[in-house]
Amino acid sequence: TWYYGAVGELAATLAAQDIAPTGP
């Protein structure tokens, strides 16, 4: 549960700030 929430929050934050991850 923690993992899914944390990854979702990270992905949303990066997307909102127009930052593309460089890996998985």
mmCIF file of all heavy atoms, coordinates in Angstrom:
data_MODEL
# 
_entry.id   MODEL 
# 
loop_
_atom_site.group_PDB 
_atom_site.id 
_atom_site.type_symbol 
_atom_site.label_atom_id 
_atom_site.label_alt_id 
_atom_site.label_comp_id 
_atom_site.label_asym_id 
_atom_site.label_entity_id 
_atom_site.label_seq_id 
_atom_site.pdbx_PDB_ins_code 
_atom_site.Cartn_x 
_atom_site.Cartn_y 
_atom_site.Cartn_z 
_atom_site.occupancy 
_atom_site.B_iso_or_equiv 
_atom_site.pdbx_formal_charge 
_atom_site.auth_seq_id 
_atom_site.auth_comp_id 
_atom_site.auth_asym_id 
_atom_site.auth_atom_id 
_atom_site.pdbx_PDB_model_num 
ATOM 1   N N   . THR A 1 1  ? 0.840  -1.194 0.000   1.00 0.00 ? 1  THR A N   1 
ATOM 2   C CA  . THR A 1 1  ? 0.000  0.000  0.000   1.00 0.00 ? 1  THR A CA  1 
ATOM 3   C C   . THR A 1 1  ? 0.877  1.246  0.000   1.00 0.00 ? 1  THR A C   1 
ATOM 4   O O   . THR A 1 1  ? 0.649  2.189  -0.764  1.00 0.00 ? 1  THR A O   1 
ATOM 5   C CB  . THR A 1 1  ? -0.943 0.003  1.216   1.00 0.00 ? 1  THR A CB  1 
ATOM 6   O OG1 . THR A 1 1  ? -1.734 -1.182 1.172   1.00 0.00 ? 1  THR A OG1 1 
ATOM 7   C CG2 . THR A 1 1  ? -1.827 1.224  1.225   1.00 0.00 ? 1  THR A CG2 1 
ATOM 8   N N   . TRP A 1 2  ? 1.896  1.256  0.851   1.00 0.00 ? 2  TRP A N   1 
ATOM 9   C CA  . TRP A 1 2  ? 2.817  2.389  0.920   1.00 0.00 ? 2  TRP A CA  1 
ATOM 10  C C   . TRP A 1 2  ? 3.527  2.579  -0.422  1.00 0.00 ? 2  TRP A C   1 
ATOM 11  O O   . TRP A 1 2  ? 3.632  3.696  -0.934  1.00 0.00 ? 2  TRP A O   1 
ATOM 12  C CB  . TRP A 1 2  ? 3.841  2.166  2.034   1.00 0.00 ? 2  TRP A CB  1 
ATOM 13  C CG  . TRP A 1 2  ? 4.920  3.193  2.031   1.00 0.00 ? 2  TRP A CG  1 
ATOM 14  C CD1 . TRP A 1 2  ? 4.882  4.425  2.600   1.00 0.00 ? 2  TRP A CD1 1 
ATOM 15  C CD2 . TRP A 1 2  ? 6.197  3.077  1.385   1.00 0.00 ? 2  TRP A CD2 1 
ATOM 16  N NE1 . TRP A 1 2  ? 6.066  5.089  2.357   1.00 0.00 ? 2  TRP A NE1 1 
ATOM 17  C CE2 . TRP A 1 2  ? 6.883  4.279  1.619   1.00 0.00 ? 2  TRP A CE2 1 
ATOM 18  C CE3 . TRP A 1 2  ? 6.816  2.071  0.661   1.00 0.00 ? 2  TRP A CE3 1 
ATOM 19  C CZ2 . TRP A 1 2  ? 8.172  4.508  1.129   1.00 0.00 ? 2  TRP A CZ2 1 
ATOM 20  C CZ3 . TRP A 1 2  ? 8.096  2.307  0.173   1.00 0.00 ? 2  TRP A CZ3 1 
ATOM 21  C CH2 . TRP A 1 2  ? 8.753  3.507  0.419   1.00 0.00 ? 2  TRP A CH2 1 
ATOM 22  N N   . TYR A 1 3  ? 4.000  1.489  -1.004  1.00 0.00 ? 3  TYR A N   1 
ATOM 23  C CA  . TYR A 1 3  ? 4.725  1.552  -2.271  1.00 0.00 ? 3  TYR A CA  1 
ATOM 24  C C   . TYR A 1 3  ? 3.876  2.186  -3.370  1.00 0.00 ? 3  TYR A C   1 
ATOM 25  O O   . TYR A 1 3  ? 4.318  3.106  -4.061  1.00 0.00 ? 3  TYR A O   1 
ATOM 26  C CB  . TYR A 1 3  ? 5.189  0.149  -2.691  1.00 0.00 ? 3  TYR A CB  1 
ATOM 27  C CG  . TYR A 1 3  ? 5.587  0.061  -4.140  1.00 0.00 ? 3  TYR A CG  1 
ATOM 28  C CD1 . TYR A 1 3  ? 6.816  0.535  -4.564  1.00 0.00 ? 3  TYR A CD1 1 
ATOM 29  C CD2 . TYR A 1 3  ? 4.708  -0.468 -5.091  1.00 0.00 ? 3  TYR A CD2 1 
ATOM 30  C CE1 . TYR A 1 3  ? 7.171  0.474  -5.910  1.00 0.00 ? 3  TYR A CE1 1 
ATOM 31  C CE2 . TYR A 1 3  ? 5.061  -0.521 -6.422  1.00 0.00 ? 3  TYR A CE2 1 
ATOM 32  C CZ  . TYR A 1 3  ? 6.281  -0.050 -6.830  1.00 0.00 ? 3  TYR A CZ  1 
ATOM 33  O OH  . TYR A 1 3  ? 6.624  -0.091 -8.151  1.00 0.00 ? 3  TYR A OH  1 
ATOM 34  N N   . TYR A 1 4  ? 2.655  1.694  -3.551  1.00 0.00 ? 4  TYR A N   1 
ATOM 35  C CA  . TYR A 1 4  ? 1.801  2.233  -4.614  1.00 0.00 ? 4  TYR A CA  1 
ATOM 36  C C   . TYR A 1 4  ? 1.524  3.716  -4.402  1.00 0.00 ? 4  TYR A C   1 
ATOM 37  O O   . TYR A 1 4  ? 1.537  4.509  -5.341  1.00 0.00 ? 4  TYR A O   1 
ATOM 38  C CB  . TYR A 1 4  ? 0.481  1.454  -4.707  1.00 0.00 ? 4  TYR A CB  1 
ATOM 39  C CG  . TYR A 1 4  ? 0.663  0.062  -5.274  1.00 0.00 ? 4  TYR A CG  1 
ATOM 40  C CD1 . TYR A 1 4  ? 0.221  -1.050 -4.588  1.00 0.00 ? 4  TYR A CD1 1 
ATOM 41  C CD2 . TYR A 1 4  ? 1.293  -0.139 -6.495  1.00 0.00 ? 4  TYR A CD2 1 
ATOM 42  C CE1 . TYR A 1 4  ? 0.386  -2.328 -5.108  1.00 0.00 ? 4  TYR A CE1 1 
ATOM 43  C CE2 . TYR A 1 4  ? 1.468  -1.405 -7.014  1.00 0.00 ? 4  TYR A CE2 1 
ATOM 44  C CZ  . TYR A 1 4  ? 1.012  -2.495 -6.316  1.00 0.00 ? 4  TYR A CZ  1 
ATOM 45  O OH  . TYR A 1 4  ? 1.181  -3.744 -6.836  1.00 0.00 ? 4  TYR A OH  1 
ATOM 46  N N   . GLY A 1 5  ? 1.280  4.115  -3.169  1.00 0.00 ? 5  GLY A N   1 
ATOM 47  C CA  . GLY A 1 5  ? 1.048  5.522  -2.873  1.00 0.00 ? 5  GLY A CA  1 
ATOM 48  C C   . GLY A 1 5  ? 2.270  6.379  -3.124  1.00 0.00 ? 5  GLY A C   1 
ATOM 49  O O   . GLY A 1 5  ? 2.195  7.463  -3.715  1.00 0.00 ? 5  GLY A O   1 
ATOM 50  N N   . ALA A 1 6  ? 3.433  5.889  -2.690  1.00 0.00 ? 6  ALA A N   1 
ATOM 51  C CA  . ALA A 1 6  ? 4.667  6.659  -2.844  1.00 0.00 ? 6  ALA A CA  1 
ATOM 52  C C   . ALA A 1 6  ? 5.065  6.806  -4.310  1.00 0.00 ? 6  ALA A C   1 
ATOM 53  O O   . ALA A 1 6  ? 5.424  7.902  -4.761  1.00 0.00 ? 6  ALA A O   1 
ATOM 54  C CB  . ALA A 1 6  ? 5.796  5.996  -2.043  1.00 0.00 ? 6  ALA A CB  1 
ATOM 55  N N   . VAL A 1 7  ? 5.006  5.731  -5.072  1.00 0.00 ? 7  VAL A N   1 
ATOM 56  C CA  . VAL A 1 7  ? 5.362  5.804  -6.493  1.00 0.00 ? 7  VAL A CA  1 
ATOM 57  C C   . VAL A 1 7  ? 4.382  6.707  -7.237  1.00 0.00 ? 7  VAL A C   1 
ATOM 58  O O   . VAL A 1 7  ? 4.787  7.503  -8.094  1.00 0.00 ? 7  VAL A O   1 
ATOM 59  C CB  . VAL A 1 7  ? 5.436  4.394  -7.121  1.00 0.00 ? 7  VAL A CB  1 
ATOM 60  C CG1 . VAL A 1 7  ? 5.514  4.466  -8.635  1.00 0.00 ? 7  VAL A CG1 1 
ATOM 61  C CG2 . VAL A 1 7  ? 6.649  3.648  -6.580  1.00 0.00 ? 7  VAL A CG2 1 
ATOM 62  N N   . GLY A 1 8  ? 3.095  6.607  -6.894  1.00 0.00 ? 8  GLY A N   1 
ATOM 63  C CA  . GLY A 1 8  ? 2.103  7.483  -7.520  1.00 0.00 ? 8  GLY A CA  1 
ATOM 64  C C   . GLY A 1 8  ? 2.372  8.949  -7.225  1.00 0.00 ? 8  GLY A C   1 
ATOM 65  O O   . GLY A 1 8  ? 2.292  9.806  -8.110  1.00 0.00 ? 8  GLY A O   1 
ATOM 66  N N   . GLU A 1 9  ? 2.708  9.242  -5.975  1.00 0.00 ? 9  GLU A N   1 
ATOM 67  C CA  . GLU A 1 9  ? 3.007  10.623 -5.585  1.00 0.00 ? 9  GLU A CA  1 
ATOM 68  C C   . GLU A 1 9  ? 4.267  11.134 -6.293  1.00 0.00 ? 9  GLU A C   1 
ATOM 69  O O   . GLU A 1 9  ? 4.304  12.266 -6.774  1.00 0.00 ? 9  GLU A O   1 
ATOM 70  C CB  . GLU A 1 9  ? 3.178  10.703 -4.067  1.00 0.00 ? 9  GLU A CB  1 
ATOM 71  C CG  . GLU A 1 9  ? 3.322  12.105 -3.543  1.00 0.00 ? 9  GLU A CG  1 
ATOM 72  C CD  . GLU A 1 9  ? 3.335  12.171 -2.023  1.00 0.00 ? 9  GLU A CD  1 
ATOM 73  O OE1 . GLU A 1 9  ? 3.034  11.159 -1.352  1.00 0.00 ? 9  GLU A OE1 1 
ATOM 74  O OE2 . GLU A 1 9  ? 3.664  13.247 -1.505  1.00 0.00 ? 9  GLU A OE2 1 
ATOM 75  N N   . LEU A 1 10 ? 5.280  10.292 -6.368  1.00 0.00 ? 10 LEU A N   1 
ATOM 76  C CA  . LEU A 1 10 ? 6.505  10.681 -7.082  1.00 0.00 ? 10 LEU A CA  1 
ATOM 77  C C   . LEU A 1 10 ? 6.232  10.950 -8.558  1.00 0.00 ? 10 LEU A C   1 
ATOM 78  O O   . LEU A 1 10 ? 6.653  11.979 -9.101  1.00 0.00 ? 10 LEU A O   1 
ATOM 79  C CB  . LEU A 1 10 ? 7.556  9.572  -6.977  1.00 0.00 ? 10 LEU A CB  1 
ATOM 80  C CG  . LEU A 1 10 ? 8.325  9.459  -5.685  1.00 0.00 ? 10 LEU A CG  1 
ATOM 81  C CD1 . LEU A 1 10 ? 9.125  8.157  -5.671  1.00 0.00 ? 10 LEU A CD1 1 
ATOM 82  C CD2 . LEU A 1 10 ? 9.246  10.645 -5.512  1.00 0.00 ? 10 LEU A CD2 1 
ATOM 83  N N   . ALA A 1 11 ? 5.530  10.035 -9.209  1.00 0.00 ? 11 ALA A N   1 
ATOM 84  C CA  . ALA A 1 11 ? 5.246  10.183 -10.639 1.00 0.00 ? 11 ALA A CA  1 
ATOM 85  C C   . ALA A 1 11 ? 4.426  11.441 -10.903 1.00 0.00 ? 11 ALA A C   1 
ATOM 86  O O   . ALA A 1 11 ? 4.707  12.189 -11.849 1.00 0.00 ? 11 ALA A O   1 
ATOM 87  C CB  . ALA A 1 11 ? 4.524  8.941  -11.162 1.00 0.00 ? 11 ALA A CB  1 
ATOM 88  N N   . ALA A 1 12 ? 3.430  11.698 -10.066 1.00 0.00 ? 12 ALA A N   1 
ATOM 89  C CA  . ALA A 1 12 ? 2.592  12.884 -10.249 1.00 0.00 ? 12 ALA A CA  1 
ATOM 90  C C   . ALA A 1 12 ? 3.393  14.165 -10.034 1.00 0.00 ? 12 ALA A C   1 
ATOM 91  O O   . ALA A 1 12 ? 3.236  15.143 -10.786 1.00 0.00 ? 12 ALA A O   1 
ATOM 92  C CB  . ALA A 1 12 ? 1.401  12.830 -9.295  1.00 0.00 ? 12 ALA A CB  1 
ATOM 93  N N   . THR A 1 13 ? 4.258  14.174 -9.043  1.00 0.00 ? 13 THR A N   1 
ATOM 94  C CA  . THR A 1 13 ? 5.081  15.356 -8.766  1.00 0.00 ? 13 THR A CA  1 
ATOM 95  C C   . THR A 1 13 ? 6.025  15.636 -9.926  1.00 0.00 ? 13 THR A C   1 
ATOM 96  O O   . THR A 1 13 ? 6.158  16.780 -10.376 1.00 0.00 ? 13 THR A O   1 
ATOM 97  C CB  . THR A 1 13 ? 5.870  15.178 -7.455  1.00 0.00 ? 13 THR A CB  1 
ATOM 98  O OG1 . THR A 1 13 ? 4.938  15.007 -6.386  1.00 0.00 ? 13 THR A OG1 1 
ATOM 99  C CG2 . THR A 1 13 ? 6.757  16.375 -7.171  1.00 0.00 ? 13 THR A CG2 1 
ATOM 100 N N   . LEU A 1 14 ? 6.676  14.592 -10.429 1.00 0.00 ? 14 LEU A N   1 
ATOM 101 C CA  . LEU A 1 14 ? 7.590  14.785 -11.554 1.00 0.00 ? 14 LEU A CA  1 
ATOM 102 C C   . LEU A 1 14 ? 6.843  15.253 -12.794 1.00 0.00 ? 14 LEU A C   1 
ATOM 103 O O   . LEU A 1 14 ? 7.292  16.171 -13.496 1.00 0.00 ? 14 LEU A O   1 
ATOM 104 C CB  . LEU A 1 14 ? 8.360  13.493 -11.840 1.00 0.00 ? 14 LEU A CB  1 
ATOM 105 C CG  . LEU A 1 14 ? 9.328  13.043 -10.751 1.00 0.00 ? 14 LEU A CG  1 
ATOM 106 C CD1 . LEU A 1 14 ? 9.955  11.695 -11.117 1.00 0.00 ? 14 LEU A CD1 1 
ATOM 107 C CD2 . LEU A 1 14 ? 10.399 14.086 -10.494 1.00 0.00 ? 14 LEU A CD2 1 
ATOM 108 N N   . ALA A 1 15 ? 5.693  14.652 -13.079 1.00 0.00 ? 15 ALA A N   1 
ATOM 109 C CA  . ALA A 1 15 ? 4.905  15.051 -14.246 1.00 0.00 ? 15 ALA A CA  1 
ATOM 110 C C   . ALA A 1 15 ? 4.445  16.502 -14.131 1.00 0.00 ? 15 ALA A C   1 
ATOM 111 O O   . ALA A 1 15 ? 4.520  17.269 -15.098 1.00 0.00 ? 15 ALA A O   1 
ATOM 112 C CB  . ALA A 1 15 ? 3.702  14.122 -14.415 1.00 0.00 ? 15 ALA A CB  1 
ATOM 113 N N   . ALA A 1 16 ? 3.997  16.910 -12.954 1.00 0.00 ? 16 ALA A N   1 
ATOM 114 C CA  . ALA A 1 16 ? 3.523  18.279 -12.757 1.00 0.00 ? 16 ALA A CA  1 
ATOM 115 C C   . ALA A 1 16 ? 4.652  19.288 -12.929 1.00 0.00 ? 16 ALA A C   1 
ATOM 116 O O   . ALA A 1 16 ? 4.409  20.445 -13.293 1.00 0.00 ? 16 ALA A O   1 
ATOM 117 C CB  . ALA A 1 16 ? 2.901  18.424 -11.365 1.00 0.00 ? 16 ALA A CB  1 
ATOM 118 N N   . GLN A 1 17 ? 5.890  18.863 -12.669 1.00 0.00 ? 17 GLN A N   1 
ATOM 119 C CA  . GLN A 1 17 ? 7.031  19.763 -12.798 1.00 0.00 ? 17 GLN A CA  1 
ATOM 120 C C   . GLN A 1 17 ? 7.799  19.533 -14.104 1.00 0.00 ? 17 GLN A C   1 
ATOM 121 O O   . GLN A 1 17 ? 8.886  20.058 -14.297 1.00 0.00 ? 17 GLN A O   1 
ATOM 122 C CB  . GLN A 1 17 ? 7.954  19.606 -11.576 1.00 0.00 ? 17 GLN A CB  1 
ATOM 123 C CG  . GLN A 1 17 ? 7.271  20.024 -10.284 1.00 0.00 ? 17 GLN A CG  1 
ATOM 124 C CD  . GLN A 1 17 ? 8.168  19.900 -9.072  1.00 0.00 ? 17 GLN A CD  1 
ATOM 125 O OE1 . GLN A 1 17 ? 9.387  20.020 -9.165  1.00 0.00 ? 17 GLN A OE1 1 
ATOM 126 N NE2 . GLN A 1 17 ? 7.565  19.663 -7.917  1.00 0.00 ? 17 GLN A NE2 1 
ATOM 127 N N   . ASP A 1 18 ? 7.200  18.757 -15.003 1.00 0.00 ? 18 ASP A N   1 
ATOM 128 C CA  . ASP A 1 18 ? 7.766  18.482 -16.327 1.00 0.00 ? 18 ASP A CA  1 
ATOM 129 C C   . ASP A 1 18 ? 9.190  17.913 -16.233 1.00 0.00 ? 18 ASP A C   1 
ATOM 130 O O   . ASP A 1 18 ? 10.089 18.324 -16.965 1.00 0.00 ? 18 ASP A O   1 
ATOM 131 C CB  . ASP A 1 18 ? 7.737  19.740 -17.197 1.00 0.00 ? 18 ASP A CB  1 
ATOM 132 C CG  . ASP A 1 18 ? 7.830  19.413 -18.674 1.00 0.00 ? 18 ASP A CG  1 
ATOM 133 O OD1 . ASP A 1 18 ? 7.445  18.292 -19.056 1.00 0.00 ? 18 ASP A OD1 1 
ATOM 134 O OD2 . ASP A 1 18 ? 8.318  20.265 -19.435 1.00 0.00 ? 18 ASP A OD2 1 
ATOM 135 N N   . ILE A 1 19 ? 9.369  16.961 -15.319 1.00 0.00 ? 19 ILE A N   1 
ATOM 136 C CA  . ILE A 1 19 ? 10.652 16.287 -15.143 1.00 0.00 ? 19 ILE A CA  1 
ATOM 137 C C   . ILE A 1 19 ? 10.471 14.831 -15.580 1.00 0.00 ? 19 ILE A C   1 
ATOM 138 O O   . ILE A 1 19 ? 9.624  14.125 -15.044 1.00 0.00 ? 19 ILE A O   1 
ATOM 139 C CB  . ILE A 1 19 ? 11.137 16.342 -13.683 1.00 0.00 ? 19 ILE A CB  1 
ATOM 140 C CG1 . ILE A 1 19 ? 11.377 17.793 -13.257 1.00 0.00 ? 19 ILE A CG1 1 
ATOM 141 C CG2 . ILE A 1 19 ? 12.406 15.510 -13.508 1.00 0.00 ? 19 ILE A CG2 1 
ATOM 142 C CD1 . ILE A 1 19 ? 11.703 17.959 -11.789 1.00 0.00 ? 19 ILE A CD1 1 
ATOM 143 N N   . ALA A 1 20 ? 11.276 14.421 -16.548 1.00 0.00 ? 20 ALA A N   1 
ATOM 144 C CA  . ALA A 1 20 ? 11.196 13.044 -17.043 1.00 0.00 ? 20 ALA A CA  1 
ATOM 145 C C   . ALA A 1 20 ? 12.205 12.172 -16.299 1.00 0.00 ? 20 ALA A C   1 
ATOM 146 O O   . ALA A 1 20 ? 13.393 12.508 -16.245 1.00 0.00 ? 20 ALA A O   1 
ATOM 147 C CB  . ALA A 1 20 ? 11.488 12.998 -18.533 1.00 0.00 ? 20 ALA A CB  1 
ATOM 148 N N   . PRO A 1 21 ? 11.762 11.061 -15.718 1.00 0.00 ? 21 PRO A N   1 
ATOM 149 C CA  . PRO A 1 21 ? 12.711 10.133 -15.099 1.00 0.00 ? 21 PRO A CA  1 
ATOM 150 C C   . PRO A 1 21 ? 13.692 9.606  -16.146 1.00 0.00 ? 21 PRO A C   1 
ATOM 151 O O   . PRO A 1 21 ? 13.346 9.469  -17.319 1.00 0.00 ? 21 PRO A O   1 
ATOM 152 C CB  . PRO A 1 21 ? 11.830 9.001  -14.568 1.00 0.00 ? 21 PRO A CB  1 
ATOM 153 C CG  . PRO A 1 21 ? 10.467 9.590  -14.475 1.00 0.00 ? 21 PRO A CG  1 
ATOM 154 C CD  . PRO A 1 21 ? 10.379 10.608 -15.571 1.00 0.00 ? 21 PRO A CD  1 
ATOM 155 N N   . THR A 1 22 ? 14.897 9.307  -15.726 1.00 0.00 ? 22 THR A N   1 
ATOM 156 C CA  . THR A 1 22 ? 15.914 8.767  -16.631 1.00 0.00 ? 22 THR A CA  1 
ATOM 157 C C   . THR A 1 22 ? 15.982 7.239  -16.571 1.00 0.00 ? 22 THR A C   1 
ATOM 158 O O   . THR A 1 22 ? 16.833 6.645  -17.224 1.00 0.00 ? 22 THR A O   1 
ATOM 159 C CB  . THR A 1 22 ? 17.298 9.360  -16.307 1.00 0.00 ? 22 THR A CB  1 
ATOM 160 O OG1 . THR A 1 22 ? 17.616 9.056  -14.949 1.00 0.00 ? 22 THR A OG1 1 
ATOM 161 C CG2 . THR A 1 22 ? 17.315 10.860 -16.536 1.00 0.00 ? 22 THR A CG2 1 
ATOM 162 N N   . GLY A 1 23 ? 15.106 6.637  -15.794 1.00 0.00 ? 23 GLY A N   1 
ATOM 163 C CA  . GLY A 1 23 ? 15.076 5.185  -15.664 1.00 0.00 ? 23 GLY A CA  1 
ATOM 164 C C   . GLY A 1 23 ? 13.861 4.768  -14.872 1.00 0.00 ? 23 GLY A C   1 
ATOM 165 O O   . GLY A 1 23 ? 13.042 5.605  -14.476 1.00 0.00 ? 23 GLY A O   1 
ATOM 166 N N   . PRO A 1 24 ? 13.729 3.465  -14.616 1.00 0.00 ? 24 PRO A N   1 
ATOM 167 C CA  . PRO A 1 24 ? 12.562 2.975  -13.886 1.00 0.00 ? 24 PRO A CA  1 
ATOM 168 C C   . PRO A 1 24 ? 12.628 3.343  -12.404 1.00 0.00 ? 24 PRO A C   1 
ATOM 169 O O   . PRO A 1 24 ? 13.699 3.659  -11.871 1.00 0.00 ? 24 PRO A O   1 
ATOM 170 C CB  . PRO A 1 24 ? 12.642 1.458  -14.065 1.00 0.00 ? 24 PRO A CB  1 
ATOM 171 C CG  . PRO A 1 24 ? 14.101 1.187  -14.242 1.00 0.00 ? 24 PRO A CG  1 
ATOM 172 C CD  . PRO A 1 24 ? 14.647 2.385  -14.996 1.00 0.00 ? 24 PRO A CD  1 
# 
